[in-house]
Structures are given as C-alpha cells and as structure tokens.
Amino acid sequence: MSELSRRQALAGLGSISLGALVAACSDDDEPDREAAPAREDATNFDDAATCTRTAEQTEGPFYFDVDEIRSDIREDRDGATLRLGVRVRDASDCTPLPDAVVDIWHCDAEGSYSATGETYLRGAQVTNREGVVEFTTVYPGWYPGRTIHIHAKVHLDRETVLTTQLYFDDAFSARVFTRDSAYPGESNRDGFNASDSLYEKDLELTLSEEGRTHRGRITLDVARA
C-alpha cells in the first residue's frame, strides 16, 4: 500500500485506509503535488494571523477511520452547503505544509454522527503545495450540551500531529438554522460558544456567504513529530 501513488489515492481509485495514505505520502520521494483537488486558494486566508501552534482538543467519542479520501463528504445528508477550506502550516516558520492529511468529521443538520458502517460527513484530503485542502459538506447542526463544531486531525510523516475542533460564530449559525428547513430551528438550542467548556476563540472559522453557499476558512499551525 505504501507504493500507491498520491494521484491514485486522490482520484479515488479504490478504497484506501487513512493509515495507508499517510504512509504513501510519506514514502513518495517525488510527490505529485499537482494532484490535490483543493479549489481553495491560499491567498484567501488571513496572512496577518500569528503563527502559533494550534491548540489540541479532545478527539471525542465518534472518531473512526472510514477509508474515504474525498472532498465532498455530504452523501445523502440535507443541510446548508458549507465549503470548508483548511490551510496547514509549520508552526516553526509559518511555511505551508504540502502532503499533510487533513481528516474531518462532524454531525449532520439534526445533530447525529454517522456510525460504524456509515461514512457521511467524514473524509480526508491531502494538502496541495500551498498547504491547502477544501471540503464540501453541510453546515453542522447542534445537539444538547455542545456548541456547533467540526472535529479535525492533521497527519504528517506517519504521525498524527494535531487533534482539534473548529468552531462557528453563534449569530452566523442562528441565521443558517432559521433559514434552512433541514435544521430543527434555533429555539431549543442549549449549546453556545460562551457556555461550551471546550470552545476557544482562536479555533473559530472565518465565515462568509456566497449566495446559498457558506464558506469557512481556518489555518492550522502544527509541529512536526
């Protein structure tokens, strides 16, 4: 599996485990960095952001390797479209990290996570030469006791170098939930950033609207293992 080319993995030619993809990227002496399908441009990220190692956060109880290397992770899930751009940099000097594996998972519009045997709203991508990946997903819903969030991991050189969570502005989320019928509304929501024990402002996405699509961007600065 370590001989699988990065182009094959990203093109989805067969199912490959996350561990095998990390190994393939690590072992490739001449990685094909043009193969990354990210449509996001590094110039869209905030270059004024300080280069400080991104905070670690708990993995939570719902992580598993779904063997899915893909950019669109929606499958049959309803909800407002979210295009999530993630840039990965070396925390030591702020340089972009190509060939890092970014792995995300989150709940659907009704607050449910996919279980073993399901793959919706889970997937991984490999960063391009600018250290960027983009996922197409749905805006996460809420469930009792937590604010809105996405789980993320970054894997580099066969090692997991970051496990964290990404957050959303509460007012922005409220607008999404009241406009789209896939969500159970806002009136019974009990989880907000201010009351969430894990929320950190530095992990909040930069959010914007482009027509009916929502965009979220964030830079993750990691230390090599």
C-alpha atoms as a PDB file:
ATOM      1  CA  MET A   1       0.000   0.000   0.000  1.00  0.00           C
ATOM      2  CA  SER A   2       2.942   2.350   0.594  1.00  0.00           C
ATOM      3  CA  GLU A   3       3.611   2.266  -3.169  1.00  0.00           C
ATOM      4  CA  LEU A   4       0.155   3.623  -4.025  1.00  0.00           C
ATOM      5  CA  SER A   5       0.617   6.904  -5.853  1.00  0.00           C
ATOM      6  CA  ARG A   6      -0.831  10.054  -4.393  1.00  0.00           C
ATOM      7  CA  ARG A   7      -2.679  10.724  -7.660  1.00  0.00           C
ATOM      8  CA  GLN A   8      -4.424   7.346  -7.430  1.00  0.00           C
ATOM      9  CA  ALA A   9      -5.420   7.935  -3.830  1.00  0.00           C
ATOM     10  CA  LEU A  10      -6.838  11.373  -4.526  1.00  0.00           C
ATOM     11  CA  ALA A  11      -8.632  10.198  -7.630  1.00  0.00           C
ATOM     12  CA  GLY A  12     -10.496   7.652  -5.537  1.00  0.00           C
ATOM     13  CA  LEU A  13      -9.259   4.607  -7.443  1.00  0.00           C
ATOM     14  CA  GLY A  14     -10.262   2.050  -4.868  1.00  0.00           C
ATOM     15  CA  SER A  15     -10.688   2.323  -1.115  1.00  0.00           C
ATOM     16  CA  ILE A  16      -7.578   3.077   0.879  1.00  0.00           C
ATOM     17  CA  SER A  17      -7.211   3.411   4.617  1.00  0.00           C
ATOM     18  CA  LEU A  18      -6.129   6.685   6.152  1.00  0.00           C
ATOM     19  CA  GLY A  19      -3.046   4.996   7.568  1.00  0.00           C
ATOM     20  CA  ALA A  20      -2.066   3.717   4.131  1.00  0.00           C
ATOM     21  CA  LEU A  21      -2.492   7.166   2.606  1.00  0.00           C
ATOM     22  CA  VAL A  22      -0.290   8.747   5.285  1.00  0.00           C
ATOM     23  CA  ALA A  23       2.352   6.134   4.542  1.00  0.00           C
ATOM     24  CA  ALA A  24       2.040   6.643   0.781  1.00  0.00           C
ATOM     25  CA  CYS A  25       2.515  10.401   1.094  1.00  0.00           C
ATOM     26  CA  SER A  26       5.436   9.934   3.477  1.00  0.00           C
ATOM     27  CA  ASP A  27       7.226   7.380   1.286  1.00  0.00           C
ATOM     28  CA  ASP A  28       6.785   9.157  -2.051  1.00  0.00           C
ATOM     29  CA  ASP A  29      10.190  10.613  -2.981  1.00  0.00           C
ATOM     30  CA  GLU A  30       8.628  12.833  -5.667  1.00  0.00           C
ATOM     31  CA  PRO A  31       5.080  13.554  -4.556  1.00  0.00           C
ATOM     32  CA  ASP A  32       2.647  14.616  -7.262  1.00  0.00           C
ATOM     33  CA  ARG A  33       1.546  17.842  -5.631  1.00  0.00           C
ATOM     34  CA  GLU A  34      -0.481  18.960  -8.646  1.00  0.00           C
ATOM     35  CA  ALA A  35      -2.937  16.140  -7.912  1.00  0.00           C
ATOM     36  CA  ALA A  36      -4.531  17.831  -4.902  1.00  0.00           C
ATOM     37  CA  PRO A  37      -8.126  18.722  -5.788  1.00  0.00           C
ATOM     38  CA  ALA A  38      -8.467  21.674  -3.428  1.00  0.00           C
ATOM     39  CA  ARG A  39     -10.193  24.608  -5.128  1.00  0.00           C
ATOM     40  CA  GLU A  40      -9.410  26.988  -2.277  1.00  0.00           C
ATOM     41  CA  ASP A  41      -6.586  29.479  -2.852  1.00  0.00           C
ATOM     42  CA  ALA A  42      -4.032  30.246  -0.138  1.00  0.00           C
ATOM     43  CA  THR A  43      -4.448  33.968  -0.822  1.00  0.00           C
ATOM     44  CA  ASN A  44      -7.961  33.719   0.623  1.00  0.00           C
ATOM     45  CA  PHE A  45      -6.573  33.021   4.075  1.00  0.00           C
ATOM     46  CA  ASP A  46      -5.625  35.658   6.613  1.00  0.00           C
ATOM     47  CA  ASP A  47      -1.877  36.211   6.274  1.00  0.00           C
ATOM     48  CA  ALA A  48      -1.974  38.536   9.276  1.00  0.00           C
ATOM     49  CA  ALA A  49      -2.722  35.607  11.559  1.00  0.00           C
ATOM     50  CA  THR A  50       0.053  34.871  14.025  1.00  0.00           C
ATOM     51  CA  CYS A  51       1.912  31.614  13.543  1.00  0.00           C
ATOM     52  CA  THR A  52       1.282  29.889  16.848  1.00  0.00           C
ATOM     53  CA  ARG A  53       0.838  26.153  17.291  1.00  0.00           C
ATOM     54  CA  THR A  54      -2.869  25.345  17.068  1.00  0.00           C
ATOM     55  CA  ALA A  55      -4.452  24.170  20.305  1.00  0.00           C
ATOM     56  CA  GLU A  56      -5.073  20.475  20.821  1.00  0.00           C
ATOM     57  CA  GLN A  57      -8.597  19.442  21.756  1.00  0.00           C
ATOM     58  CA  THR A  58     -10.274  16.194  22.667  1.00  0.00           C
ATOM     59  CA  GLU A  59     -10.992  13.693  19.892  1.00  0.00           C
ATOM     60  CA  GLY A  60     -14.445  12.889  21.285  1.00  0.00           C
ATOM     61  CA  PRO A  61     -16.224   9.534  21.153  1.00  0.00           C
ATOM     62  CA  PHE A  62     -17.182   9.455  17.462  1.00  0.00           C
ATOM     63  CA  TYR A  63     -13.903   9.129  15.532  1.00  0.00           C
ATOM     64  CA  PHE A  64     -13.064   6.193  13.287  1.00  0.00           C
ATOM     65  CA  ASP A  65     -11.159   5.744  10.014  1.00  0.00           C
ATOM     66  CA  VAL A  66     -13.772   5.478   7.255  1.00  0.00           C
ATOM     67  CA  ASP A  67     -11.267   4.767   4.459  1.00  0.00           C
ATOM     68  CA  GLU A  68     -12.616   7.687   2.415  1.00  0.00           C
ATOM     69  CA  ILE A  69     -10.275  10.060   0.577  1.00  0.00           C
ATOM     70  CA  ARG A  70     -12.643  12.634  -0.908  1.00  0.00           C
ATOM     71  CA  SER A  71     -13.509  16.314  -0.945  1.00  0.00           C
ATOM     72  CA  ASP A  72     -17.336  16.038  -0.981  1.00  0.00           C
ATOM     73  CA  ILE A  73     -18.435  14.263   2.206  1.00  0.00           C
ATOM     74  CA  ARG A  74     -22.162  15.069   2.159  1.00  0.00           C
ATOM     75  CA  GLU A  75     -23.569  11.830   0.726  1.00  0.00           C
ATOM     76  CA  ASP A  76     -27.346  11.912   1.416  1.00  0.00           C
ATOM     77  CA  ARG A  77     -27.281  14.479   4.220  1.00  0.00           C
ATOM     78  CA  ASP A  78     -29.546  17.518   3.945  1.00  0.00           C
ATOM     79  CA  GLY A  79     -28.454  20.935   5.084  1.00  0.00           C
ATOM     80  CA  ALA A  80     -26.897  24.218   4.030  1.00  0.00           C
ATOM     81  CA  THR A  81     -23.806  23.751   1.873  1.00  0.00           C
ATOM     82  CA  LEU A  82     -20.518  24.536   3.608  1.00  0.00           C
ATOM     83  CA  ARG A  83     -17.230  24.775   1.725  1.00  0.00           C
ATOM     84  CA  LEU A  84     -14.537  24.327   4.326  1.00  0.00           C
ATOM     85  CA  GLY A  85     -11.002  25.452   3.490  1.00  0.00           C
ATOM     86  CA  VAL A  86      -8.145  24.397   5.765  1.00  0.00           C
ATOM     87  CA  ARG A  87      -4.556  25.594   5.421  1.00  0.00           C
ATOM     88  CA  VAL A  88      -1.808  23.694   7.253  1.00  0.00           C
ATOM     89  CA  ARG A  89       1.459  25.416   8.132  1.00  0.00           C
ATOM     90  CA  ASP A  90       4.645  24.548  10.001  1.00  0.00           C
ATOM     91  CA  ALA A  91       4.355  26.326  13.346  1.00  0.00           C
ATOM     92  CA  SER A  92       8.114  26.869  13.493  1.00  0.00           C
ATOM     93  CA  ASP A  93       8.323  29.177  10.480  1.00  0.00           C
ATOM     94  CA  CYS A  94       4.792  29.622   9.045  1.00  0.00           C
ATOM     95  CA  THR A  95       5.632  27.826   5.789  1.00  0.00           C
ATOM     96  CA  PRO A  96       2.847  25.798   4.123  1.00  0.00           C
ATOM     97  CA  LEU A  97       2.938  22.018   4.561  1.00  0.00           C
ATOM     98  CA  PRO A  98       2.136  20.080   1.371  1.00  0.00           C
ATOM     99  CA  ASP A  99       1.170  16.385   1.590  1.00  0.00           C
ATOM    100  CA  ALA A 100      -0.320  16.634   5.064  1.00  0.00           C
ATOM    101  CA  VAL A 101      -3.503  14.601   5.525  1.00  0.00           C
ATOM    102  CA  VAL A 102      -6.453  16.587   6.922  1.00  0.00           C
ATOM    103  CA  ASP A 103      -9.174  14.369   8.381  1.00  0.00           C
ATOM    104  CA  ILE A 104     -12.570  15.808   9.475  1.00  0.00           C
ATOM    105  CA  TRP A 105     -15.869  14.542  10.877  1.00  0.00           C
ATOM    106  CA  HIS A 106     -18.979  16.192  12.301  1.00  0.00           C
ATOM    107  CA  CYS A 107     -22.688  15.764  12.987  1.00  0.00           C
ATOM    108  CA  ASP A 108     -25.470  16.338  10.460  1.00  0.00           C
ATOM    109  CA  ALA A 109     -28.188  19.006  10.478  1.00  0.00           C
ATOM    110  CA  GLU A 110     -30.144  17.059  13.111  1.00  0.00           C
ATOM    111  CA  GLY A 111     -27.152  16.551  15.399  1.00  0.00           C
ATOM    112  CA  SER A 112     -26.371  12.915  14.530  1.00  0.00           C
ATOM    113  CA  TYR A 113     -22.971  11.424  13.693  1.00  0.00           C
ATOM    114  CA  SER A 114     -22.503   8.589  11.234  1.00  0.00           C
ATOM    115  CA  ALA A 115     -21.922   5.262  12.987  1.00  0.00           C
ATOM    116  CA  THR A 116     -19.717   2.313  12.122  1.00  0.00           C
ATOM    117  CA  GLY A 117     -20.645   1.120   8.643  1.00  0.00           C
ATOM    118  CA  GLU A 118     -21.670   4.644   7.566  1.00  0.00           C
ATOM    119  CA  THR A 119     -19.464   7.328   6.056  1.00  0.00           C
ATOM    120  CA  TYR A 120     -21.491  10.519   5.789  1.00  0.00           C
ATOM    121  CA  LEU A 121     -19.809  13.733   6.907  1.00  0.00           C
ATOM    122  CA  ARG A 122     -16.437  12.035   7.298  1.00  0.00           C
ATOM    123  CA  GLY A 123     -13.440  12.148   4.999  1.00  0.00           C
ATOM    124  CA  ALA A 124      -9.840  13.150   4.409  1.00  0.00           C
ATOM    125  CA  GLN A 125      -7.854  15.160   1.891  1.00  0.00           C
ATOM    126  CA  VAL A 126      -4.152  15.794   1.221  1.00  0.00           C
ATOM    127  CA  THR A 127      -2.852  19.367   1.207  1.00  0.00           C
ATOM    128  CA  ASN A 128      -1.575  20.856  -2.041  1.00  0.00           C
ATOM    129  CA  ARG A 129       1.702  22.749  -2.472  1.00  0.00           C
ATOM    130  CA  GLU A 130       0.178  25.738  -0.641  1.00  0.00           C
ATOM    131  CA  GLY A 131      -0.788  23.545   2.319  1.00  0.00           C
ATOM    132  CA  VAL A 132      -4.497  23.847   1.498  1.00  0.00           C
ATOM    133  CA  VAL A 133      -7.439  21.447   1.263  1.00  0.00           C
ATOM    134  CA  GLU A 134     -11.130  22.085   0.709  1.00  0.00           C
ATOM    135  CA  PHE A 135     -14.125  20.001   1.731  1.00  0.00           C
ATOM    136  CA  THR A 136     -17.712  20.332   0.546  1.00  0.00           C
ATOM    137  CA  THR A 137     -20.043  19.397   3.379  1.00  0.00           C
ATOM    138  CA  VAL A 138     -23.163  20.621   5.173  1.00  0.00           C
ATOM    139  CA  TYR A 139     -23.237  23.186   7.939  1.00  0.00           C
ATOM    140  CA  PRO A 140     -23.211  21.163  11.190  1.00  0.00           C
ATOM    141  CA  GLY A 141     -26.285  21.124  13.377  1.00  0.00           C
ATOM    142  CA  TRP A 142     -26.375  21.045  17.149  1.00  0.00           C
ATOM    143  CA  TYR A 143     -27.029  18.529  19.863  1.00  0.00           C
ATOM    144  CA  PRO A 144     -27.589  19.005  23.603  1.00  0.00           C
ATOM    145  CA  GLY A 145     -24.652  20.251  25.625  1.00  0.00           C
ATOM    146  CA  ARG A 146     -22.279  21.336  22.823  1.00  0.00           C
ATOM    147  CA  THR A 147     -21.799  24.368  20.662  1.00  0.00           C
ATOM    148  CA  ILE A 148     -21.513  23.958  16.874  1.00  0.00           C
ATOM    149  CA  HIS A 149     -18.213  22.326  15.898  1.00  0.00           C
ATOM    150  CA  ILE A 150     -16.241  20.185  13.463  1.00  0.00           C
ATOM    151  CA  HIS A 151     -13.612  17.682  14.559  1.00  0.00           C
ATOM    152  CA  ALA A 152     -10.277  17.656  12.732  1.00  0.00           C
ATOM    153  CA  LYS A 153      -6.969  15.812  12.696  1.00  0.00           C
ATOM    154  CA  VAL A 154      -3.768  16.541  10.810  1.00  0.00           C
ATOM    155  CA  HIS A 155      -1.405  13.672   9.963  1.00  0.00           C
ATOM    156  CA  LEU A 156       2.150  14.242   8.798  1.00  0.00           C
ATOM    157  CA  ASP A 157       5.025  11.822   8.173  1.00  0.00           C
ATOM    158  CA  ARG A 158       3.081   8.822   9.523  1.00  0.00           C
ATOM    159  CA  GLU A 159       2.155  10.659  12.730  1.00  0.00           C
ATOM    160  CA  THR A 160      -0.942  12.472  13.963  1.00  0.00           C
ATOM    161  CA  VAL A 161       0.395  15.948  14.725  1.00  0.00           C
ATOM    162  CA  LEU A 162      -2.887  17.641  15.674  1.00  0.00           C
ATOM    163  CA  THR A 163      -6.305  16.691  17.017  1.00  0.00           C
ATOM    164  CA  THR A 164      -8.621  19.645  17.471  1.00  0.00           C
ATOM    165  CA  GLN A 165     -12.102  21.111  16.931  1.00  0.00           C
ATOM    166  CA  LEU A 166     -13.275  24.001  14.749  1.00  0.00           C
ATOM    167  CA  TYR A 167     -15.989  26.409  15.859  1.00  0.00           C
ATOM    168  CA  PHE A 168     -18.580  28.776  14.370  1.00  0.00           C
ATOM    169  CA  ASP A 169     -19.846  32.246  15.209  1.00  0.00           C
ATOM    170  CA  ASP A 170     -23.154  31.831  17.096  1.00  0.00           C
ATOM    171  CA  ALA A 171     -25.003  34.610  15.267  1.00  0.00           C
ATOM    172  CA  PHE A 172     -23.946  33.219  11.888  1.00  0.00           C
ATOM    173  CA  SER A 173     -25.163  29.748  12.914  1.00  0.00           C
ATOM    174  CA  ALA A 174     -28.507  31.150  14.065  1.00  0.00           C
ATOM    175  CA  ARG A 175     -29.119  32.644  10.622  1.00  0.00           C
ATOM    176  CA  VAL A 176     -28.347  29.322   8.951  1.00  0.00           C
ATOM    177  CA  PHE A 177     -30.620  27.360  11.279  1.00  0.00           C
ATOM    178  CA  THR A 178     -33.603  29.662  10.818  1.00  0.00           C
ATOM    179  CA  ARG A 179     -33.311  29.814   7.016  1.00  0.00           C
ATOM    180  CA  ASP A 180     -32.923  26.117   6.190  1.00  0.00           C
ATOM    181  CA  SER A 181     -35.679  23.620   6.956  1.00  0.00           C
ATOM    182  CA  ALA A 182     -33.187  20.770   7.388  1.00  0.00           C
ATOM    183  CA  TYR A 183     -32.379  22.136  10.854  1.00  0.00           C
ATOM    184  CA  PRO A 184     -34.667  21.850  13.891  1.00  0.00           C
ATOM    185  CA  GLY A 185     -34.644  25.604  14.338  1.00  0.00           C
ATOM    186  CA  GLU A 186     -32.923  27.666  16.973  1.00  0.00           C
ATOM    187  CA  SER A 187     -35.464  27.926  19.805  1.00  0.00           C
ATOM    188  CA  ASN A 188     -34.431  24.778  21.709  1.00  0.00           C
ATOM    189  CA  ARG A 189     -30.706  25.089  21.211  1.00  0.00           C
ATOM    190  CA  ASP A 190     -28.824  24.949  24.506  1.00  0.00           C
ATOM    191  CA  GLY A 191     -25.191  24.919  23.364  1.00  0.00           C
ATOM    192  CA  PHE A 192     -23.392  28.178  22.632  1.00  0.00           C
ATOM    193  CA  ASN A 193     -19.778  29.274  22.451  1.00  0.00           C
ATOM    194  CA  ALA A 194     -19.897  31.183  25.718  1.00  0.00           C
ATOM    195  CA  SER A 195     -21.157  28.186  27.683  1.00  0.00           C
ATOM    196  CA  ASP A 196     -19.123  25.471  25.945  1.00  0.00           C
ATOM    197  CA  SER A 197     -16.278  24.130  28.087  1.00  0.00           C
ATOM    198  CA  LEU A 198     -14.052  23.392  25.072  1.00  0.00           C
ATOM    199  CA  TYR A 199     -14.641  26.429  22.856  1.00  0.00           C
ATOM    200  CA  GLU A 200     -11.612  28.581  22.024  1.00  0.00           C
ATOM    201  CA  LYS A 201     -11.857  31.797  20.023  1.00  0.00           C
ATOM    202  CA  ASP A 202      -8.652  31.009  18.124  1.00  0.00           C
ATOM    203  CA  LEU A 203     -10.311  27.877  16.713  1.00  0.00           C
ATOM    204  CA  GLU A 204     -13.267  29.755  15.241  1.00  0.00           C
ATOM    205  CA  LEU A 205     -13.664  29.650  11.471  1.00  0.00           C
ATOM    206  CA  THR A 206     -13.699  32.778   9.336  1.00  0.00           C
ATOM    207  CA  LEU A 207     -17.199  32.570   7.833  1.00  0.00           C
ATOM    208  CA  SER A 208     -18.806  34.178   4.808  1.00  0.00           C
ATOM    209  CA  GLU A 209     -21.752  33.715   2.456  1.00  0.00           C
ATOM    210  CA  GLU A 210     -21.587  33.293  -1.314  1.00  0.00           C
ATOM    211  CA  GLY A 211     -25.161  33.098  -2.493  1.00  0.00           C
ATOM    212  CA  ARG A 212     -26.655  29.964  -0.980  1.00  0.00           C
ATOM    213  CA  THR A 213     -23.235  28.550  -0.120  1.00  0.00           C
ATOM    214  CA  HIS A 214     -21.405  29.195   3.129  1.00  0.00           C
ATOM    215  CA  ARG A 215     -17.632  29.323   3.368  1.00  0.00           C
ATOM    216  CA  GLY A 216     -15.456  28.594   6.354  1.00  0.00           C
ATOM    217  CA  ARG A 217     -11.676  29.028   6.462  1.00  0.00           C
ATOM    218  CA  ILE A 218      -9.022  28.386   9.063  1.00  0.00           C
ATOM    219  CA  THR A 219      -5.249  27.968   9.308  1.00  0.00           C
ATOM    220  CA  LEU A 220      -3.865  25.152  11.455  1.00  0.00           C
ATOM    221  CA  ASP A 221      -0.238  25.546  12.556  1.00  0.00           C
ATOM    222  CA  VAL A 222       1.345  22.255  13.580  1.00  0.00           C
ATOM    223  CA  ALA A 223       4.669  20.995  14.880  1.00  0.00           C
ATOM    224  CA  ARG A 224       6.381  18.143  13.067  1.00  0.00           C
ATOM    225  CA  ALA A 225       6.513  14.935  15.092  1.00  0.00           C
END
